Amino acid sequence: MKIGKTIRKMIIRKVDPFRSRVGVKGMCHLQLFGPDGKLKTERFVQNIVVNTGLTHIADQMAATSDQTLMTHMSVGTSGGTPGAGNTDLGAIAGSRLGLTGSTPTDSGAVVTYTCTFSAGVSTAALVEAGIFNAVSGGTMLCRTVYDVINKLSADSLAISWTLTFSDDGV
């Protein structure tokens, strides 16, 4: 019967060529540098765009958008599983920092956010990160968790977070 299901899916796809599966996928690139500037560790992790983030994205398409752009990033020490209902990190390490960059690409539906947590900032055993539109409160766009990165007081952590908008249903 598996073949029958496969054929049914193919027929549905051919009958409904306008079927769409628009989505947002995020990839977070974390790089920990020692005081000598040498790379100590590196991680590539996917994220979840939370419900408030999806609402924010939809709001940005409206002519009367009432939400401000994403401006801050934070890291934390609580590695609980990310969920659609998350509105903040589990346990923020230090304060949210202003983004050092927010760059849309000209060639596709991609936005990259960057932030650097300098020496002495957010020093902890880090396992989570998030993007926000305010220094406190505000809206969370997305959250990720990762294997522990032990950021010592003399280390710096650079995060480059890329969101790609795509339609994989057509």
C-alpha atoms as a PDB file:
ATOM      1  CA  MET A   1       0.000   0.000   0.000  1.00  0.00           C
ATOM      2  CA  LYS A   2       2.999   2.327   0.344  1.00  0.00           C
ATOM      3  CA  ILE A   3       3.190   2.638  -3.440  1.00  0.00           C
ATOM      4  CA  GLY A   4      -0.479   3.678  -3.506  1.00  0.00           C
ATOM      5  CA  LYS A   5       0.187   6.475  -1.003  1.00  0.00           C
ATOM      6  CA  THR A   6       3.171   7.675  -3.029  1.00  0.00           C
ATOM      7  CA  ILE A   7       1.131   7.742  -6.241  1.00  0.00           C
ATOM      8  CA  ARG A   8      -1.709   9.574  -4.443  1.00  0.00           C
ATOM      9  CA  LYS A   9       0.768  12.236  -3.247  1.00  0.00           C
ATOM     10  CA  MET A  10       2.119  12.619  -6.799  1.00  0.00           C
ATOM     11  CA  ILE A  11      -1.408  13.000  -8.200  1.00  0.00           C
ATOM     12  CA  ILE A  12      -2.339  15.581  -5.550  1.00  0.00           C
ATOM     13  CA  ARG A  13       0.813  17.562  -6.320  1.00  0.00           C
ATOM     14  CA  LYS A  14       0.052  17.505 -10.081  1.00  0.00           C
ATOM     15  CA  VAL A  15      -3.615  18.413  -9.544  1.00  0.00           C
ATOM     16  CA  ASP A  16      -2.748  21.261  -7.149  1.00  0.00           C
ATOM     17  CA  PRO A  17       0.313  23.003  -8.644  1.00  0.00           C
ATOM     18  CA  PHE A  18      -0.239  26.042  -6.410  1.00  0.00           C
ATOM     19  CA  ARG A  19       0.298  24.122  -3.193  1.00  0.00           C
ATOM     20  CA  SER A  20       2.761  26.089  -1.109  1.00  0.00           C
ATOM     21  CA  ARG A  21       4.892  25.338   1.962  1.00  0.00           C
ATOM     22  CA  VAL A  22       6.461  28.686   2.776  1.00  0.00           C
ATOM     23  CA  GLY A  23       8.830  28.511   5.699  1.00  0.00           C
ATOM     24  CA  VAL A  24      11.675  30.116   7.588  1.00  0.00           C
ATOM     25  CA  LYS A  25      14.789  28.153   8.442  1.00  0.00           C
ATOM     26  CA  GLY A  26      17.535  29.520  10.620  1.00  0.00           C
ATOM     27  CA  MET A  27      21.165  28.547  10.951  1.00  0.00           C
ATOM     28  CA  CYS A  28      23.212  29.945  13.811  1.00  0.00           C
ATOM     29  CA  HIS A  29      27.014  30.029  13.468  1.00  0.00           C
ATOM     30  CA  LEU A  30      28.815  30.465  16.807  1.00  0.00           C
ATOM     31  CA  GLN A  31      32.570  31.058  17.036  1.00  0.00           C
ATOM     32  CA  LEU A  32      34.432  31.270  20.356  1.00  0.00           C
ATOM     33  CA  PHE A  33      37.787  33.068  20.188  1.00  0.00           C
ATOM     34  CA  GLY A  34      40.464  33.060  22.868  1.00  0.00           C
ATOM     35  CA  PRO A  35      42.294  36.188  24.062  1.00  0.00           C
ATOM     36  CA  ASP A  36      44.918  35.561  21.365  1.00  0.00           C
ATOM     37  CA  GLY A  37      42.244  35.802  18.655  1.00  0.00           C
ATOM     38  CA  LYS A  38      42.489  32.118  17.759  1.00  0.00           C
ATOM     39  CA  LEU A  39      39.340  30.101  17.185  1.00  0.00           C
ATOM     40  CA  LYS A  40      38.716  27.825  20.197  1.00  0.00           C
ATOM     41  CA  THR A  41      35.435  26.229  19.156  1.00  0.00           C
ATOM     42  CA  GLU A  42      32.778  26.554  16.492  1.00  0.00           C
ATOM     43  CA  ARG A  43      29.158  25.403  16.200  1.00  0.00           C
ATOM     44  CA  PHE A  44      26.541  25.394  13.452  1.00  0.00           C
ATOM     45  CA  VAL A  45      23.042  24.873  14.857  1.00  0.00           C
ATOM     46  CA  GLN A  46      19.504  25.237  13.574  1.00  0.00           C
ATOM     47  CA  ASN A  47      16.880  27.243  15.411  1.00  0.00           C
ATOM     48  CA  ILE A  48      13.146  27.463  15.944  1.00  0.00           C
ATOM     49  CA  VAL A  49      11.222  30.553  14.870  1.00  0.00           C
ATOM     50  CA  VAL A  50       8.845  30.991  17.802  1.00  0.00           C
ATOM     51  CA  ASN A  51       5.176  32.030  17.549  1.00  0.00           C
ATOM     52  CA  THR A  52       5.923  35.659  18.453  1.00  0.00           C
ATOM     53  CA  GLY A  53       8.598  35.644  15.734  1.00  0.00           C
ATOM     54  CA  LEU A  54       6.156  34.381  13.108  1.00  0.00           C
ATOM     55  CA  THR A  55       3.677  37.076  14.139  1.00  0.00           C
ATOM     56  CA  HIS A  56       6.464  39.653  13.885  1.00  0.00           C
ATOM     57  CA  ILE A  57       7.369  38.493  10.351  1.00  0.00           C
ATOM     58  CA  ALA A  58       3.734  38.718   9.225  1.00  0.00           C
ATOM     59  CA  ASP A  59       3.417  42.138  10.862  1.00  0.00           C
ATOM     60  CA  GLN A  60       6.427  43.423   8.917  1.00  0.00           C
ATOM     61  CA  MET A  61       4.520  42.766   5.669  1.00  0.00           C
ATOM     62  CA  ALA A  62       1.685  45.075   6.702  1.00  0.00           C
ATOM     63  CA  ALA A  63       1.690  48.690   5.573  1.00  0.00           C
ATOM     64  CA  THR A  64       0.967  49.739   9.161  1.00  0.00           C
ATOM     65  CA  SER A  65       3.488  47.532  10.967  1.00  0.00           C
ATOM     66  CA  ASP A  66       3.499  48.221  14.702  1.00  0.00           C
ATOM     67  CA  GLN A  67       6.548  46.104  15.536  1.00  0.00           C
ATOM     68  CA  THR A  68      10.097  47.406  15.578  1.00  0.00           C
ATOM     69  CA  LEU A  69      12.896  45.639  13.744  1.00  0.00           C
ATOM     70  CA  MET A  70      15.108  43.050  15.411  1.00  0.00           C
ATOM     71  CA  THR A  71      17.882  44.860  17.283  1.00  0.00           C
ATOM     72  CA  HIS A  72      19.333  42.592  19.990  1.00  0.00           C
ATOM     73  CA  MET A  73      20.741  39.146  20.675  1.00  0.00           C
ATOM     74  CA  SER A  74      21.313  37.309  23.916  1.00  0.00           C
ATOM     75  CA  VAL A  75      22.922  34.104  25.116  1.00  0.00           C
ATOM     76  CA  GLY A  76      22.017  32.000  28.113  1.00  0.00           C
ATOM     77  CA  THR A  77      22.618  29.031  30.335  1.00  0.00           C
ATOM     78  CA  SER A  78      19.334  27.077  30.209  1.00  0.00           C
ATOM     79  CA  GLY A  79      19.344  24.338  27.601  1.00  0.00           C
ATOM     80  CA  GLY A  80      15.659  23.432  27.755  1.00  0.00           C
ATOM     81  CA  THR A  81      14.180  22.322  24.452  1.00  0.00           C
ATOM     82  CA  PRO A  82      13.076  25.308  22.349  1.00  0.00           C
ATOM     83  CA  GLY A  83       9.318  25.538  21.928  1.00  0.00           C
ATOM     84  CA  ALA A  84       6.965  27.523  19.711  1.00  0.00           C
ATOM     85  CA  GLY A  85       5.589  29.348  22.772  1.00  0.00           C
ATOM     86  CA  ASN A  86       8.988  30.604  24.015  1.00  0.00           C
ATOM     87  CA  THR A  87       9.125  34.380  24.528  1.00  0.00           C
ATOM     88  CA  ASP A  88      12.586  34.648  26.138  1.00  0.00           C
ATOM     89  CA  LEU A  89      15.634  32.557  26.911  1.00  0.00           C
ATOM     90  CA  GLY A  90      15.495  30.193  29.871  1.00  0.00           C
ATOM     91  CA  ALA A  91      18.303  31.996  31.744  1.00  0.00           C
ATOM     92  CA  ILE A  92      20.035  34.998  30.154  1.00  0.00           C
ATOM     93  CA  ALA A  93      23.764  35.327  30.806  1.00  0.00           C
ATOM     94  CA  GLY A  94      24.429  39.052  31.176  1.00  0.00           C
ATOM     95  CA  SER A  95      22.338  41.438  29.093  1.00  0.00           C
ATOM     96  CA  ARG A  96      20.981  41.504  25.566  1.00  0.00           C
ATOM     97  CA  LEU A  97      23.479  43.141  23.228  1.00  0.00           C
ATOM     98  CA  GLY A  98      22.762  45.320  20.215  1.00  0.00           C
ATOM     99  CA  LEU A  99      23.219  43.632  16.861  1.00  0.00           C
ATOM    100  CA  THR A 100      26.396  44.589  15.036  1.00  0.00           C
ATOM    101  CA  GLY A 101      24.721  43.846  11.711  1.00  0.00           C
ATOM    102  CA  SER A 102      21.390  43.021  10.102  1.00  0.00           C
ATOM    103  CA  THR A 103      21.851  42.310   6.426  1.00  0.00           C
ATOM    104  CA  PRO A 104      19.267  41.193   3.849  1.00  0.00           C
ATOM    105  CA  THR A 105      20.714  39.675   0.672  1.00  0.00           C
ATOM    106  CA  ASP A 106      19.983  41.111  -2.755  1.00  0.00           C
ATOM    107  CA  SER A 107      19.970  37.681  -4.405  1.00  0.00           C
ATOM    108  CA  GLY A 108      17.426  35.867  -2.256  1.00  0.00           C
ATOM    109  CA  ALA A 109      15.153  35.800   0.727  1.00  0.00           C
ATOM    110  CA  VAL A 110      17.906  35.666   3.352  1.00  0.00           C
ATOM    111  CA  VAL A 111      18.620  37.888   6.352  1.00  0.00           C
ATOM    112  CA  THR A 112      21.770  37.610   8.481  1.00  0.00           C
ATOM    113  CA  TYR A 113      22.029  39.008  12.017  1.00  0.00           C
ATOM    114  CA  THR A 114      25.426  39.355  13.707  1.00  0.00           C
ATOM    115  CA  CYS A 115      26.529  40.073  17.256  1.00  0.00           C
ATOM    116  CA  THR A 116      29.800  39.817  19.187  1.00  0.00           C
ATOM    117  CA  PHE A 117      29.951  39.139  22.915  1.00  0.00           C
ATOM    118  CA  SER A 118      33.339  40.660  23.787  1.00  0.00           C
ATOM    119  CA  ALA A 119      35.751  39.651  26.534  1.00  0.00           C
ATOM    120  CA  GLY A 120      34.151  39.975  29.967  1.00  0.00           C
ATOM    121  CA  VAL A 121      30.606  39.964  28.547  1.00  0.00           C
ATOM    122  CA  SER A 122      28.178  37.059  29.127  1.00  0.00           C
ATOM    123  CA  THR A 123      30.887  34.872  30.650  1.00  0.00           C
ATOM    124  CA  ALA A 124      29.342  31.477  31.461  1.00  0.00           C
ATOM    125  CA  ALA A 125      28.712  27.929  30.273  1.00  0.00           C
ATOM    126  CA  LEU A 126      26.490  28.988  27.359  1.00  0.00           C
ATOM    127  CA  VAL A 127      23.904  26.676  25.771  1.00  0.00           C
ATOM    128  CA  GLU A 128      21.223  28.933  24.222  1.00  0.00           C
ATOM    129  CA  ALA A 129      20.777  32.089  22.148  1.00  0.00           C
ATOM    130  CA  GLY A 130      17.930  34.265  20.865  1.00  0.00           C
ATOM    131  CA  ILE A 131      17.167  37.306  18.698  1.00  0.00           C
ATOM    132  CA  PHE A 132      14.900  40.122  19.971  1.00  0.00           C
ATOM    133  CA  ASN A 133      13.562  43.556  18.991  1.00  0.00           C
ATOM    134  CA  ALA A 134      14.287  45.248  22.336  1.00  0.00           C
ATOM    135  CA  VAL A 135      16.954  45.427  25.039  1.00  0.00           C
ATOM    136  CA  SER A 136      14.375  43.913  27.436  1.00  0.00           C
ATOM    137  CA  GLY A 137      10.859  42.600  26.940  1.00  0.00           C
ATOM    138  CA  GLY A 138       9.842  43.030  23.321  1.00  0.00           C
ATOM    139  CA  THR A 139       9.459  40.209  20.824  1.00  0.00           C
ATOM    140  CA  MET A 140      11.610  37.098  20.452  1.00  0.00           C
ATOM    141  CA  LEU A 141      12.139  36.110  16.816  1.00  0.00           C
ATOM    142  CA  CYS A 142      13.941  32.817  17.269  1.00  0.00           C
ATOM    143  CA  ARG A 143      15.756  30.626  19.780  1.00  0.00           C
ATOM    144  CA  THR A 144      18.379  27.908  19.546  1.00  0.00           C
ATOM    145  CA  VAL A 145      20.135  25.577  21.954  1.00  0.00           C
ATOM    146  CA  TYR A 146      23.553  23.991  21.446  1.00  0.00           C
ATOM    147  CA  ASP A 147      26.225  21.940  23.181  1.00  0.00           C
ATOM    148  CA  VAL A 148      27.930  23.931  25.926  1.00  0.00           C
ATOM    149  CA  ILE A 149      30.391  26.679  24.980  1.00  0.00           C
ATOM    150  CA  ASN A 150      32.451  27.674  28.011  1.00  0.00           C
ATOM    151  CA  LYS A 151      33.046  31.403  27.471  1.00  0.00           C
ATOM    152  CA  LEU A 152      35.832  32.510  29.793  1.00  0.00           C
ATOM    153  CA  SER A 153      36.309  36.136  30.827  1.00  0.00           C
ATOM    154  CA  ALA A 154      39.013  36.786  28.207  1.00  0.00           C
ATOM    155  CA  ASP A 155      37.120  35.044  25.351  1.00  0.00           C
ATOM    156  CA  SER A 156      34.844  36.602  22.749  1.00  0.00           C
ATOM    157  CA  LEU A 157      31.887  34.931  21.063  1.00  0.00           C
ATOM    158  CA  ALA A 158      30.830  35.907  17.533  1.00  0.00           C
ATOM    159  CA  ILE A 159      27.376  34.829  16.362  1.00  0.00           C
ATOM    160  CA  SER A 160      26.182  35.014  12.765  1.00  0.00           C
ATOM    161  CA  TRP A 161      22.529  33.973  12.482  1.00  0.00           C
ATOM    162  CA  THR A 162      21.048  33.454   9.015  1.00  0.00           C
ATOM    163  CA  LEU A 163      17.314  33.153   8.332  1.00  0.00           C
ATOM    164  CA  THR A 164      16.306  31.781   4.936  1.00  0.00           C
ATOM    165  CA  PHE A 165      12.752  32.159   3.638  1.00  0.00           C
ATOM    166  CA  SER A 166      11.722  29.520   1.126  1.00  0.00           C
ATOM    167  CA  ASP A 167       8.848  27.629  -0.454  1.00  0.00           C
ATOM    168  CA  ASP A 168       9.534  23.911  -0.699  1.00  0.00           C
ATOM    169  CA  GLY A 169       6.014  22.894  -1.710  1.00  0.00           C
ATOM    170  CA  VAL A 170       6.033  23.850  -5.375  1.00  0.00           C
END
